[in-house]
Amino acid sequence: EGVFCEPASATSVAGVVAAARAGKIETGATVVCTLTGHGLKDPDTAIAQGGEVRTVDASLEAVQRAILDR
């Protein structure tokens, strides 16, 4: 699942991922992270991490082809 938040706000998610990998959070546990900043606060980082922007025709087939041809 994608989350578009500013890098500083993502630290809570990174901490949960690290804790889960370390076995500190039980499988199936419910965890809530509060993300207070949206990604548009730091557009340069979003652009740098976003990769290539591709234009495809507005059809299901064209979108599927673009995804599968990555």
N, C-alpha and C. Protein backbone atom coordinates (compact mmCIF):
# COMPACT_ATOMS: atom_id res chain seq x y z
N GLU A 1 0.86 -1.17 0.00
CA GLU A 1 0.00 0.00 0.00
C GLU A 1 0.90 1.23 0.00
N GLY A 2 0.54 2.21 -0.77
CA GLY A 2 1.34 3.42 -0.83
C GLY A 2 0.83 4.48 0.12
N VAL A 3 1.75 5.22 0.70
CA VAL A 3 1.42 6.33 1.58
C VAL A 3 2.22 7.52 1.10
N PHE A 4 1.54 8.63 0.83
CA PHE A 4 2.24 9.83 0.35
C PHE A 4 2.33 10.81 1.51
N CYS A 5 3.42 10.71 2.26
CA CYS A 5 3.62 11.60 3.40
C CYS A 5 5.04 12.15 3.33
N GLU A 6 5.27 13.20 4.10
CA GLU A 6 6.62 13.76 4.11
C GLU A 6 7.55 12.79 4.84
N PRO A 7 8.84 12.79 4.50
CA PRO A 7 9.77 11.83 5.10
C PRO A 7 9.78 11.83 6.63
N ALA A 8 9.74 12.99 7.25
CA ALA A 8 9.77 13.02 8.72
C ALA A 8 8.54 12.34 9.32
N SER A 9 7.42 12.45 8.64
CA SER A 9 6.20 11.84 9.13
C SER A 9 6.22 10.32 8.97
N ALA A 10 7.02 9.83 8.05
CA ALA A 10 7.09 8.39 7.78
C ALA A 10 7.90 7.63 8.82
N THR A 11 8.57 8.32 9.71
CA THR A 11 9.41 7.62 10.69
C THR A 11 8.61 6.69 11.59
N SER A 12 7.36 7.03 11.87
CA SER A 12 6.56 6.13 12.70
C SER A 12 6.29 4.81 11.97
N VAL A 13 6.05 4.88 10.68
CA VAL A 13 5.83 3.66 9.89
C VAL A 13 7.12 2.84 9.82
N ALA A 14 8.24 3.51 9.60
CA ALA A 14 9.52 2.81 9.56
C ALA A 14 9.81 2.12 10.89
N GLY A 15 9.47 2.77 11.98
CA GLY A 15 9.66 2.17 13.30
C GLY A 15 8.81 0.94 13.51
N VAL A 16 7.57 0.98 13.03
CA VAL A 16 6.69 -0.18 13.15
C VAL A 16 7.21 -1.34 12.31
N VAL A 17 7.66 -1.04 11.10
CA VAL A 17 8.22 -2.09 10.23
C VAL A 17 9.42 -2.74 10.90
N ALA A 18 10.31 -1.92 11.44
CA ALA A 18 11.50 -2.45 12.11
C ALA A 18 11.12 -3.28 13.34
N ALA A 19 10.18 -2.80 14.12
CA ALA A 19 9.75 -3.54 15.31
C ALA A 19 9.09 -4.87 14.94
N ALA A 20 8.30 -4.87 13.87
CA ALA A 20 7.66 -6.11 13.43
C ALA A 20 8.71 -7.12 12.95
N ARG A 21 9.68 -6.64 12.19
CA ARG A 21 10.74 -7.54 11.71
C ARG A 21 11.57 -8.10 12.85
N ALA A 22 11.69 -7.33 13.92
CA ALA A 22 12.46 -7.77 15.09
C ALA A 22 11.63 -8.65 16.02
N GLY A 23 10.37 -8.90 15.65
CA GLY A 23 9.52 -9.75 16.47
C GLY A 23 8.93 -9.06 17.68
N LYS A 24 8.99 -7.75 17.73
CA LYS A 24 8.48 -7.01 18.88
C LYS A 24 6.98 -6.71 18.77
N ILE A 25 6.41 -6.95 17.59
CA ILE A 25 4.97 -6.77 17.38
C ILE A 25 4.42 -8.11 16.92
N GLU A 26 3.39 -8.59 17.59
CA GLU A 26 2.82 -9.89 17.25
C GLU A 26 2.16 -9.86 15.87
N THR A 27 2.28 -10.96 15.15
CA THR A 27 1.61 -11.10 13.86
C THR A 27 0.11 -10.93 14.06
N GLY A 28 -0.50 -10.10 13.22
CA GLY A 28 -1.94 -9.87 13.31
C GLY A 28 -2.33 -8.75 14.26
N ALA A 29 -1.35 -8.18 14.94
CA ALA A 29 -1.65 -7.08 15.87
C ALA A 29 -2.13 -5.85 15.09
N THR A 30 -2.98 -5.07 15.70
CA THR A 30 -3.41 -3.82 15.11
C THR A 30 -2.48 -2.71 15.59
N VAL A 31 -1.91 -1.97 14.64
CA VAL A 31 -0.98 -0.90 14.95
C VAL A 31 -1.45 0.36 14.24
N VAL A 32 -1.42 1.48 14.93
CA VAL A 32 -1.84 2.75 14.35
C VAL A 32 -0.65 3.70 14.34
N CYS A 33 -0.39 4.28 13.18
CA CYS A 33 0.65 5.30 13.04
C CYS A 33 -0.03 6.60 12.64
N THR A 34 0.35 7.68 13.26
CA THR A 34 -0.20 8.98 12.90
C THR A 34 0.80 9.68 11.98
N LEU A 35 0.35 9.96 10.75
CA LEU A 35 1.18 10.66 9.79
C LEU A 35 0.64 12.08 9.68
N THR A 36 1.43 13.04 10.12
CA THR A 36 0.93 14.41 10.23
C THR A 36 1.27 15.30 9.05
N GLY A 37 2.13 14.85 8.17
CA GLY A 37 2.52 15.70 7.05
C GLY A 37 2.31 14.99 5.74
N HIS A 38 1.75 15.66 4.76
CA HIS A 38 1.54 15.04 3.46
C HIS A 38 2.78 15.21 2.57
N GLY A 39 2.87 14.40 1.54
CA GLY A 39 4.04 14.39 0.66
C GLY A 39 4.29 15.68 -0.08
N LEU A 40 3.26 16.50 -0.25
CA LEU A 40 3.45 17.75 -0.98
C LEU A 40 4.23 18.79 -0.19
N LYS A 41 4.50 18.51 1.09
CA LYS A 41 5.35 19.41 1.87
C LYS A 41 6.81 19.32 1.40
N ASP A 42 7.16 18.19 0.79
CA ASP A 42 8.53 17.97 0.34
C ASP A 42 8.51 17.42 -1.09
N PRO A 43 8.07 18.23 -2.06
CA PRO A 43 7.90 17.72 -3.42
C PRO A 43 9.21 17.29 -4.09
N ASP A 44 10.33 17.90 -3.72
CA ASP A 44 11.60 17.53 -4.36
C ASP A 44 11.96 16.08 -4.06
N THR A 45 11.74 15.63 -2.83
CA THR A 45 12.01 14.24 -2.48
C THR A 45 11.06 13.31 -3.23
N ALA A 46 9.79 13.69 -3.30
CA ALA A 46 8.82 12.86 -4.02
C ALA A 46 9.21 12.72 -5.49
N ILE A 47 9.62 13.81 -6.09
CA ILE A 47 10.02 13.78 -7.50
C ILE A 47 11.27 12.91 -7.68
N ALA A 48 12.23 13.07 -6.79
CA ALA A 48 13.48 12.30 -6.89
C ALA A 48 13.25 10.81 -6.71
N GLN A 49 12.30 10.43 -5.87
CA GLN A 49 12.03 9.02 -5.60
C GLN A 49 10.99 8.42 -6.55
N GLY A 50 10.31 9.27 -7.29
CA GLY A 50 9.19 8.81 -8.11
C GLY A 50 9.55 8.02 -9.34
N GLY A 51 10.73 8.21 -9.86
CA GLY A 51 11.11 7.48 -11.05
C GLY A 51 10.52 8.08 -12.31
N GLU A 52 10.57 7.29 -13.36
CA GLU A 52 10.14 7.73 -14.69
C GLU A 52 8.62 7.93 -14.74
N VAL A 53 8.20 9.01 -15.38
CA VAL A 53 6.78 9.26 -15.62
C VAL A 53 6.49 8.81 -17.04
N ARG A 54 5.54 7.90 -17.18
CA ARG A 54 5.19 7.37 -18.49
C ARG A 54 3.77 7.77 -18.85
N THR A 55 3.55 8.06 -20.10
CA THR A 55 2.21 8.39 -20.59
C THR A 55 1.69 7.18 -21.36
N VAL A 56 0.46 6.77 -21.04
CA VAL A 56 -0.17 5.64 -21.74
C VAL A 56 -1.57 6.05 -22.17
N ASP A 57 -2.08 5.33 -23.15
CA ASP A 57 -3.45 5.58 -23.60
C ASP A 57 -4.42 5.31 -22.45
N ALA A 58 -5.58 5.94 -22.53
CA ALA A 58 -6.58 5.81 -21.47
C ALA A 58 -7.45 4.58 -21.72
N SER A 59 -6.82 3.41 -21.65
CA SER A 59 -7.57 2.16 -21.78
C SER A 59 -7.00 1.14 -20.81
N LEU A 60 -7.82 0.22 -20.39
CA LEU A 60 -7.39 -0.81 -19.45
C LEU A 60 -6.21 -1.61 -20.03
N GLU A 61 -6.31 -1.95 -21.29
CA GLU A 61 -5.25 -2.74 -21.92
C GLU A 61 -3.92 -2.00 -21.92
N ALA A 62 -3.94 -0.70 -22.23
CA ALA A 62 -2.71 0.08 -22.26
C ALA A 62 -2.10 0.20 -20.87
N VAL A 63 -2.92 0.38 -19.87
CA VAL A 63 -2.42 0.49 -18.49
C VAL A 63 -1.83 -0.84 -18.05
N GLN A 64 -2.53 -1.93 -18.31
CA GLN A 64 -2.00 -3.25 -17.95
C GLN A 64 -0.67 -3.52 -18.64
N ARG A 65 -0.58 -3.19 -19.92
CA ARG A 65 0.64 -3.40 -20.68
C ARG A 65 1.78 -2.57 -20.07
N ALA A 66 1.50 -1.32 -19.71
CA ALA A 66 2.53 -0.45 -19.12
C ALA A 66 3.03 -1.01 -17.79
N ILE A 67 2.12 -1.57 -17.00
CA ILE A 67 2.52 -2.13 -15.70
C ILE A 67 3.34 -3.40 -15.90
N LEU A 68 2.89 -4.26 -16.77
CA LEU A 68 3.56 -5.54 -16.97
C LEU A 68 4.89 -5.41 -17.70
N ASP A 69 5.06 -4.36 -18.48
CA ASP A 69 6.31 -4.15 -19.24
C ASP A 69 7.40 -3.47 -18.43
N ARG A 70 7.16 -3.17 -17.17
CA ARG A 70 8.15 -2.46 -16.34
C ARG A 70 9.44 -3.17 -16.34
